[in-house]
N, C-alpha and C. Protein backbone atom coordinates (compact mmCIF):
# COMPACT_ATOMS: atom_id res chain seq x y z
N MET A 1 -3.85 17.59 -14.51
CA MET A 1 -4.37 16.40 -13.89
C MET A 1 -3.25 15.69 -13.13
N SER A 2 -3.56 15.11 -12.00
CA SER A 2 -2.61 14.42 -11.16
C SER A 2 -2.20 13.11 -11.81
N SER A 3 -0.92 12.75 -11.66
CA SER A 3 -0.43 11.51 -12.27
C SER A 3 -0.77 10.27 -11.46
N GLY A 4 -1.14 10.44 -10.18
CA GLY A 4 -1.50 9.29 -9.37
C GLY A 4 -0.30 8.59 -8.78
N THR A 5 0.91 9.12 -9.02
CA THR A 5 2.10 8.46 -8.51
C THR A 5 2.81 9.30 -7.45
N GLU A 6 2.14 10.31 -6.88
CA GLU A 6 2.78 11.14 -5.88
C GLU A 6 3.00 10.33 -4.61
N LYS A 7 4.26 10.22 -4.23
CA LYS A 7 4.62 9.50 -3.02
C LYS A 7 5.38 10.46 -2.13
N LYS A 8 5.09 10.37 -0.84
CA LYS A 8 5.83 11.15 0.13
C LYS A 8 6.80 10.21 0.83
N ALA A 9 8.06 10.62 0.95
CA ALA A 9 9.08 9.79 1.58
C ALA A 9 9.31 10.22 3.01
N TYR A 10 9.42 9.24 3.88
CA TYR A 10 9.73 9.44 5.30
C TYR A 10 11.04 8.72 5.56
N GLU A 11 12.12 9.48 5.69
CA GLU A 11 13.45 8.89 5.80
C GLU A 11 13.85 8.66 7.24
N GLY A 12 14.33 7.45 7.50
CA GLY A 12 14.90 7.09 8.78
C GLY A 12 16.37 6.80 8.61
N GLN A 13 17.03 6.43 9.69
CA GLN A 13 18.46 6.14 9.62
C GLN A 13 18.75 4.88 8.81
N LYS A 14 17.87 3.87 8.88
CA LYS A 14 18.13 2.60 8.20
C LYS A 14 17.08 2.22 7.16
N ILE A 15 15.96 2.96 7.13
CA ILE A 15 14.86 2.61 6.21
C ILE A 15 14.13 3.89 5.80
N THR A 16 13.69 3.92 4.56
CA THR A 16 12.82 4.99 4.07
C THR A 16 11.48 4.36 3.71
N VAL A 17 10.41 4.95 4.24
CA VAL A 17 9.06 4.49 3.96
C VAL A 17 8.42 5.52 3.05
N THR A 18 7.77 5.07 1.97
CA THR A 18 7.04 5.98 1.11
C THR A 18 5.55 5.69 1.26
N PHE A 19 4.77 6.75 1.08
CA PHE A 19 3.31 6.66 1.22
C PHE A 19 2.66 7.36 0.06
N GLU A 20 1.78 6.63 -0.64
CA GLU A 20 1.01 7.18 -1.75
C GLU A 20 -0.44 7.26 -1.29
N ALA A 21 -0.84 8.44 -0.80
CA ALA A 21 -2.13 8.63 -0.14
C ALA A 21 -3.32 8.20 -1.00
N ARG A 22 -3.28 8.44 -2.30
CA ARG A 22 -4.42 8.10 -3.16
C ARG A 22 -4.70 6.61 -3.19
N ARG A 23 -3.70 5.79 -2.89
CA ARG A 23 -3.89 4.33 -2.93
C ARG A 23 -4.31 3.76 -1.58
N CYS A 24 -4.24 4.55 -0.52
CA CYS A 24 -4.54 4.06 0.82
C CYS A 24 -6.02 3.74 0.95
N LEU A 25 -6.32 2.52 1.42
CA LEU A 25 -7.70 2.09 1.63
C LEU A 25 -8.04 1.98 3.11
N HIS A 26 -7.17 2.49 3.96
CA HIS A 26 -7.40 2.57 5.41
C HIS A 26 -7.63 1.20 6.04
N ALA A 27 -6.87 0.22 5.60
CA ALA A 27 -6.93 -1.11 6.23
C ALA A 27 -6.35 -1.04 7.64
N ALA A 28 -5.53 -0.03 7.92
CA ALA A 28 -4.94 0.25 9.24
C ALA A 28 -3.98 -0.83 9.71
N GLU A 29 -3.48 -1.66 8.82
CA GLU A 29 -2.47 -2.65 9.20
C GLU A 29 -1.25 -1.96 9.79
N CYS A 30 -0.89 -0.81 9.28
CA CYS A 30 0.28 -0.08 9.77
C CYS A 30 0.07 0.43 11.19
N VAL A 31 -1.06 1.07 11.42
CA VAL A 31 -1.36 1.66 12.73
C VAL A 31 -1.49 0.57 13.79
N ARG A 32 -2.16 -0.53 13.44
CA ARG A 32 -2.28 -1.65 14.39
C ARG A 32 -0.94 -2.33 14.62
N GLY A 33 -0.14 -2.44 13.58
CA GLY A 33 1.12 -3.17 13.66
C GLY A 33 2.22 -2.45 14.41
N LEU A 34 2.33 -1.13 14.21
CA LEU A 34 3.37 -0.33 14.86
C LEU A 34 2.85 1.07 15.17
N PRO A 35 2.00 1.20 16.19
CA PRO A 35 1.45 2.52 16.50
C PRO A 35 2.53 3.52 16.92
N GLU A 36 3.69 3.03 17.35
CA GLU A 36 4.77 3.94 17.72
C GLU A 36 5.45 4.56 16.50
N VAL A 37 5.21 3.99 15.31
CA VAL A 37 5.75 4.53 14.06
C VAL A 37 4.66 5.24 13.26
N PHE A 38 3.49 4.62 13.18
CA PHE A 38 2.38 5.14 12.37
C PHE A 38 1.33 5.74 13.31
N ASP A 39 1.29 7.05 13.40
CA ASP A 39 0.35 7.73 14.30
C ASP A 39 -0.30 8.87 13.52
N THR A 40 -1.54 8.66 13.09
CA THR A 40 -2.24 9.65 12.27
C THR A 40 -2.54 10.94 13.02
N GLY A 41 -2.38 10.95 14.34
CA GLY A 41 -2.60 12.15 15.12
C GLY A 41 -1.37 13.01 15.26
N GLN A 42 -0.24 12.55 14.75
CA GLN A 42 1.02 13.29 14.85
C GLN A 42 1.48 13.73 13.47
N ARG A 43 2.38 14.71 13.45
CA ARG A 43 3.03 15.14 12.21
C ARG A 43 4.52 15.15 12.45
N PRO A 44 5.33 14.46 11.66
CA PRO A 44 4.87 13.59 10.58
C PRO A 44 4.19 12.35 11.15
N TRP A 45 3.28 11.78 10.39
CA TRP A 45 2.52 10.64 10.90
C TRP A 45 3.29 9.33 10.80
N ILE A 46 4.37 9.33 10.01
CA ILE A 46 5.26 8.16 9.93
C ILE A 46 6.62 8.57 10.47
N ARG A 47 7.08 7.84 11.49
CA ARG A 47 8.39 8.10 12.10
C ARG A 47 9.20 6.80 12.02
N PRO A 48 9.95 6.62 10.91
CA PRO A 48 10.64 5.36 10.64
C PRO A 48 11.63 4.93 11.73
N ASP A 49 12.19 5.85 12.48
CA ASP A 49 13.15 5.47 13.51
C ASP A 49 12.48 5.03 14.80
N GLY A 50 11.16 4.91 14.81
CA GLY A 50 10.43 4.46 15.98
C GLY A 50 10.44 2.96 16.19
N ALA A 51 11.04 2.20 15.27
CA ALA A 51 11.13 0.75 15.38
C ALA A 51 12.34 0.28 14.58
N LYS A 52 12.75 -0.94 14.82
CA LYS A 52 13.85 -1.53 14.04
C LYS A 52 13.41 -1.64 12.59
N ALA A 53 14.34 -1.41 11.67
CA ALA A 53 14.04 -1.40 10.24
C ALA A 53 13.40 -2.70 9.77
N GLU A 54 13.87 -3.85 10.27
CA GLU A 54 13.33 -5.14 9.83
C GLU A 54 11.87 -5.28 10.26
N ARG A 55 11.56 -4.85 11.46
CA ARG A 55 10.18 -4.93 11.97
C ARG A 55 9.28 -3.97 11.18
N LEU A 56 9.77 -2.77 10.90
CA LEU A 56 9.00 -1.80 10.13
C LEU A 56 8.73 -2.33 8.72
N ALA A 57 9.73 -2.94 8.10
CA ALA A 57 9.53 -3.51 6.76
C ALA A 57 8.46 -4.60 6.79
N GLU A 58 8.48 -5.42 7.85
CA GLU A 58 7.48 -6.48 8.00
C GLU A 58 6.06 -5.90 8.07
N VAL A 59 5.89 -4.81 8.81
CA VAL A 59 4.56 -4.20 8.94
C VAL A 59 4.16 -3.51 7.63
N VAL A 60 5.09 -2.85 6.96
CA VAL A 60 4.78 -2.21 5.68
C VAL A 60 4.29 -3.26 4.68
N ARG A 61 4.87 -4.45 4.69
CA ARG A 61 4.46 -5.50 3.75
C ARG A 61 3.02 -5.96 4.01
N ARG A 62 2.46 -5.67 5.17
CA ARG A 62 1.06 -6.02 5.46
C ARG A 62 0.08 -5.08 4.75
N CYS A 63 0.52 -3.92 4.31
CA CYS A 63 -0.35 -2.95 3.64
C CYS A 63 -0.88 -3.58 2.35
N PRO A 64 -2.18 -3.92 2.30
CA PRO A 64 -2.68 -4.64 1.13
C PRO A 64 -2.69 -3.82 -0.15
N SER A 65 -2.87 -2.52 -0.05
CA SER A 65 -3.01 -1.70 -1.25
C SER A 65 -1.69 -1.34 -1.89
N GLY A 66 -0.58 -1.47 -1.15
CA GLY A 66 0.71 -1.04 -1.67
C GLY A 66 0.93 0.46 -1.51
N ALA A 67 0.02 1.15 -0.80
CA ALA A 67 0.20 2.59 -0.57
C ALA A 67 1.49 2.85 0.21
N LEU A 68 1.85 1.92 1.08
CA LEU A 68 3.11 2.00 1.81
C LEU A 68 4.13 1.09 1.15
N GLN A 69 5.33 1.60 0.98
CA GLN A 69 6.46 0.85 0.44
C GLN A 69 7.68 1.18 1.30
N TYR A 70 8.74 0.44 1.14
CA TYR A 70 9.96 0.75 1.88
C TYR A 70 11.19 0.43 1.05
N GLU A 71 12.29 1.06 1.45
CA GLU A 71 13.61 0.72 0.92
C GLU A 71 14.59 0.87 2.07
N LEU A 72 15.40 -0.15 2.25
CA LEU A 72 16.41 -0.11 3.29
C LEU A 72 17.58 0.72 2.80
N VAL A 73 18.27 1.41 3.71
CA VAL A 73 19.39 2.26 3.35
C VAL A 73 20.47 1.44 2.65
N ASP A 74 20.61 0.17 3.03
CA ASP A 74 21.63 -0.69 2.39
C ASP A 74 21.18 -1.17 1.00
N GLY A 75 20.04 -0.69 0.53
CA GLY A 75 19.56 -1.04 -0.82
C GLY A 75 18.53 -2.15 -0.84
N GLY A 76 18.24 -2.77 0.29
CA GLY A 76 17.27 -3.84 0.33
C GLY A 76 15.86 -3.34 0.06
N VAL A 77 15.14 -4.08 -0.77
CA VAL A 77 13.75 -3.74 -1.09
C VAL A 77 12.89 -4.99 -0.91
N GLU A 78 11.61 -4.80 -0.98
CA GLU A 78 10.65 -5.88 -0.81
C GLU A 78 10.80 -6.93 -1.91
N THR A 79 10.81 -8.18 -1.51
CA THR A 79 10.81 -9.30 -2.46
C THR A 79 9.36 -9.70 -2.68
N PRO A 80 8.88 -9.66 -3.92
CA PRO A 80 7.48 -10.03 -4.18
C PRO A 80 7.18 -11.47 -3.79
N ASP A 81 5.95 -11.70 -3.34
CA ASP A 81 5.50 -13.06 -3.02
C ASP A 81 5.54 -13.92 -4.29
N ARG A 82 5.90 -15.18 -4.11
CA ARG A 82 5.87 -16.15 -5.21
C ARG A 82 5.24 -17.42 -4.68
N PRO A 83 4.31 -18.00 -5.35
CA PRO A 83 3.72 -17.51 -6.60
C PRO A 83 2.80 -16.32 -6.33
N THR A 84 2.48 -15.60 -7.38
CA THR A 84 1.54 -14.50 -7.29
C THR A 84 0.18 -15.04 -6.85
N GLN A 85 -0.47 -14.29 -5.95
CA GLN A 85 -1.78 -14.71 -5.43
C GLN A 85 -2.81 -13.63 -5.72
N ILE A 86 -4.00 -14.06 -6.13
CA ILE A 86 -5.13 -13.17 -6.36
C ILE A 86 -6.29 -13.70 -5.53
N VAL A 87 -6.83 -12.83 -4.66
CA VAL A 87 -7.93 -13.22 -3.79
C VAL A 87 -9.02 -12.15 -3.87
N ARG A 88 -10.27 -12.56 -4.02
CA ARG A 88 -11.38 -11.62 -3.93
C ARG A 88 -11.75 -11.54 -2.46
N ASN A 89 -11.67 -10.34 -1.87
CA ASN A 89 -11.99 -10.20 -0.45
C ASN A 89 -13.49 -10.02 -0.24
N SER A 90 -13.90 -9.88 1.01
CA SER A 90 -15.33 -9.78 1.33
C SER A 90 -15.97 -8.52 0.77
N PHE A 91 -15.16 -7.53 0.38
CA PHE A 91 -15.69 -6.31 -0.23
C PHE A 91 -15.92 -6.50 -1.73
N GLY A 92 -15.32 -7.54 -2.31
CA GLY A 92 -15.39 -7.76 -3.75
C GLY A 92 -14.15 -7.29 -4.48
N GLN A 93 -13.25 -6.63 -3.78
CA GLN A 93 -12.01 -6.16 -4.40
C GLN A 93 -11.09 -7.33 -4.68
N LEU A 94 -10.19 -7.14 -5.63
CA LEU A 94 -9.19 -8.14 -5.94
C LEU A 94 -7.88 -7.74 -5.26
N VAL A 95 -7.46 -8.54 -4.29
CA VAL A 95 -6.22 -8.30 -3.57
C VAL A 95 -5.16 -9.17 -4.22
N VAL A 96 -4.11 -8.52 -4.75
CA VAL A 96 -3.09 -9.22 -5.52
C VAL A 96 -1.73 -8.97 -4.88
N ARG A 97 -0.98 -10.06 -4.69
CA ARG A 97 0.36 -9.99 -4.12
C ARG A 97 1.28 -10.84 -5.00
N GLY A 98 2.42 -10.29 -5.38
CA GLY A 98 3.37 -11.04 -6.18
C GLY A 98 4.19 -10.09 -7.04
N GLU A 99 4.82 -10.66 -8.04
CA GLU A 99 5.62 -9.86 -8.97
C GLU A 99 4.68 -9.39 -10.08
N LEU A 100 4.34 -8.11 -10.06
CA LEU A 100 3.27 -7.59 -10.91
C LEU A 100 3.74 -6.46 -11.80
N SER A 101 3.13 -6.37 -12.96
CA SER A 101 3.22 -5.19 -13.81
C SER A 101 1.78 -4.75 -14.04
N VAL A 102 1.43 -3.58 -13.51
CA VAL A 102 0.05 -3.10 -13.57
C VAL A 102 -0.05 -2.00 -14.60
N ASP A 103 -0.95 -2.18 -15.58
CA ASP A 103 -1.18 -1.15 -16.59
C ASP A 103 -2.02 -0.04 -15.97
N THR A 104 -1.50 1.18 -15.99
CA THR A 104 -2.20 2.35 -15.47
C THR A 104 -2.30 3.38 -16.58
N PRO A 105 -3.12 4.41 -16.41
CA PRO A 105 -3.19 5.45 -17.44
C PRO A 105 -1.84 6.14 -17.67
N GLU A 106 -0.95 6.08 -16.67
CA GLU A 106 0.38 6.69 -16.80
C GLU A 106 1.40 5.72 -17.37
N GLY A 107 0.98 4.48 -17.63
CA GLY A 107 1.90 3.46 -18.13
C GLY A 107 2.05 2.34 -17.12
N PRO A 108 2.83 1.31 -17.47
CA PRO A 108 2.98 0.17 -16.57
C PRO A 108 3.75 0.54 -15.30
N ARG A 109 3.34 -0.07 -14.18
CA ARG A 109 4.01 0.13 -12.90
C ARG A 109 4.38 -1.23 -12.32
N ALA A 110 5.63 -1.36 -11.87
CA ALA A 110 6.05 -2.57 -11.16
C ALA A 110 5.48 -2.48 -9.76
N GLU A 111 4.82 -3.53 -9.33
CA GLU A 111 4.17 -3.56 -8.01
C GLU A 111 4.43 -4.91 -7.37
N SER A 112 4.22 -4.95 -6.03
CA SER A 112 4.27 -6.22 -5.32
C SER A 112 2.99 -6.48 -4.54
N ARG A 113 2.19 -5.39 -4.31
CA ARG A 113 0.93 -5.52 -3.57
C ARG A 113 -0.03 -4.48 -4.12
N VAL A 114 -1.24 -4.92 -4.49
CA VAL A 114 -2.26 -3.99 -4.98
C VAL A 114 -3.65 -4.48 -4.58
N VAL A 115 -4.58 -3.54 -4.51
CA VAL A 115 -6.00 -3.86 -4.41
C VAL A 115 -6.63 -3.27 -5.66
N LEU A 116 -7.13 -4.14 -6.52
CA LEU A 116 -7.68 -3.71 -7.80
C LEU A 116 -9.19 -3.59 -7.72
N CYS A 117 -9.71 -2.62 -8.46
CA CYS A 117 -11.15 -2.41 -8.55
C CYS A 117 -11.76 -3.57 -9.34
N ALA A 118 -12.83 -4.13 -8.79
CA ALA A 118 -13.51 -5.23 -9.46
C ALA A 118 -14.83 -4.80 -10.09
N CYS A 119 -15.26 -3.55 -9.80
CA CYS A 119 -16.57 -3.11 -10.31
C CYS A 119 -16.44 -2.11 -11.46
N GLY A 120 -15.25 -1.59 -11.71
CA GLY A 120 -15.03 -0.65 -12.80
C GLY A 120 -15.40 0.79 -12.49
N GLN A 121 -15.76 1.12 -11.25
CA GLN A 121 -16.21 2.47 -10.93
C GLN A 121 -15.16 3.32 -10.20
N SER A 122 -14.00 2.76 -9.92
CA SER A 122 -12.96 3.52 -9.24
C SER A 122 -12.49 4.68 -10.12
N ARG A 123 -12.19 5.80 -9.50
CA ARG A 123 -11.63 6.95 -10.21
C ARG A 123 -10.10 6.84 -10.28
N LEU A 124 -9.55 5.77 -9.73
CA LEU A 124 -8.11 5.55 -9.68
C LEU A 124 -7.75 4.25 -10.40
N GLN A 125 -8.45 3.94 -11.48
CA GLN A 125 -8.25 2.69 -12.22
C GLN A 125 -6.79 2.44 -12.49
N PRO A 126 -6.36 1.22 -12.36
CA PRO A 126 -7.11 0.00 -12.07
C PRO A 126 -7.24 -0.27 -10.57
N TYR A 127 -6.70 0.64 -9.74
CA TYR A 127 -6.72 0.46 -8.29
C TYR A 127 -8.10 0.80 -7.72
N CYS A 128 -8.49 0.15 -6.63
CA CYS A 128 -9.74 0.46 -5.96
C CYS A 128 -9.57 1.73 -5.14
N ASP A 129 -10.56 2.60 -5.17
CA ASP A 129 -10.53 3.81 -4.33
C ASP A 129 -11.76 3.91 -3.42
N HIS A 130 -12.50 2.82 -3.28
CA HIS A 130 -13.70 2.73 -2.43
C HIS A 130 -14.89 3.51 -2.98
N SER A 131 -14.87 3.96 -4.23
CA SER A 131 -15.97 4.76 -4.74
C SER A 131 -17.11 3.93 -5.33
N GLY A 132 -16.85 2.68 -5.68
CA GLY A 132 -17.90 1.85 -6.26
C GLY A 132 -18.34 0.74 -5.32
N PRO A 133 -19.23 -0.12 -5.80
CA PRO A 133 -19.76 -1.18 -4.95
C PRO A 133 -18.69 -2.13 -4.40
N CYS A 134 -17.58 -2.33 -5.12
CA CYS A 134 -16.57 -3.26 -4.62
C CYS A 134 -15.77 -2.63 -3.47
N GLY A 135 -15.93 -1.38 -3.24
CA GLY A 135 -15.22 -0.73 -2.15
C GLY A 135 -16.10 -0.43 -0.96
N GLN A 136 -17.33 -0.85 -1.00
CA GLN A 136 -18.27 -0.57 0.08
C GLN A 136 -18.23 -1.68 1.13
N THR A 137 -18.49 -1.31 2.36
CA THR A 137 -18.53 -2.29 3.43
C THR A 137 -19.68 -3.25 3.22
N PRO A 138 -19.40 -4.56 3.30
CA PRO A 138 -20.49 -5.53 3.11
C PRO A 138 -21.54 -5.38 4.21
N ARG A 139 -22.77 -5.57 3.82
CA ARG A 139 -23.85 -5.53 4.83
C ARG A 139 -24.04 -6.95 5.37
N GLY A 140 -24.22 -7.03 6.68
CA GLY A 140 -24.31 -8.38 7.21
C GLY A 140 -25.25 -8.51 8.28
């Protein structure tokens, strides 16, 4: 069985971006924010040297699910939001940003951004994977 923590690293000269595909909810903040770095039609689809490291880090922090993370070559990492914020979005998911310890089947994980399942039907508990009602597009 998969551990759910498989991350692929994309190394640049000044920043490394990691991507955990199972957590991606396709909010597309990355693609909209820096299409010259994040291009799903290219391989590799993440090219960290396509933008300044500070700008890339700013766009990675927009990823609500935390599927994208970064580490600067000089050791700099994301500073969690303070105070921690929990918001129920229009889908019903719980979007959480801050200094977090999330209990997972593999044990606790330190996080700074997550989208949690609010309906209990996700196959990636406690994270939302769009499989239950809280991950469905609202009808309007």
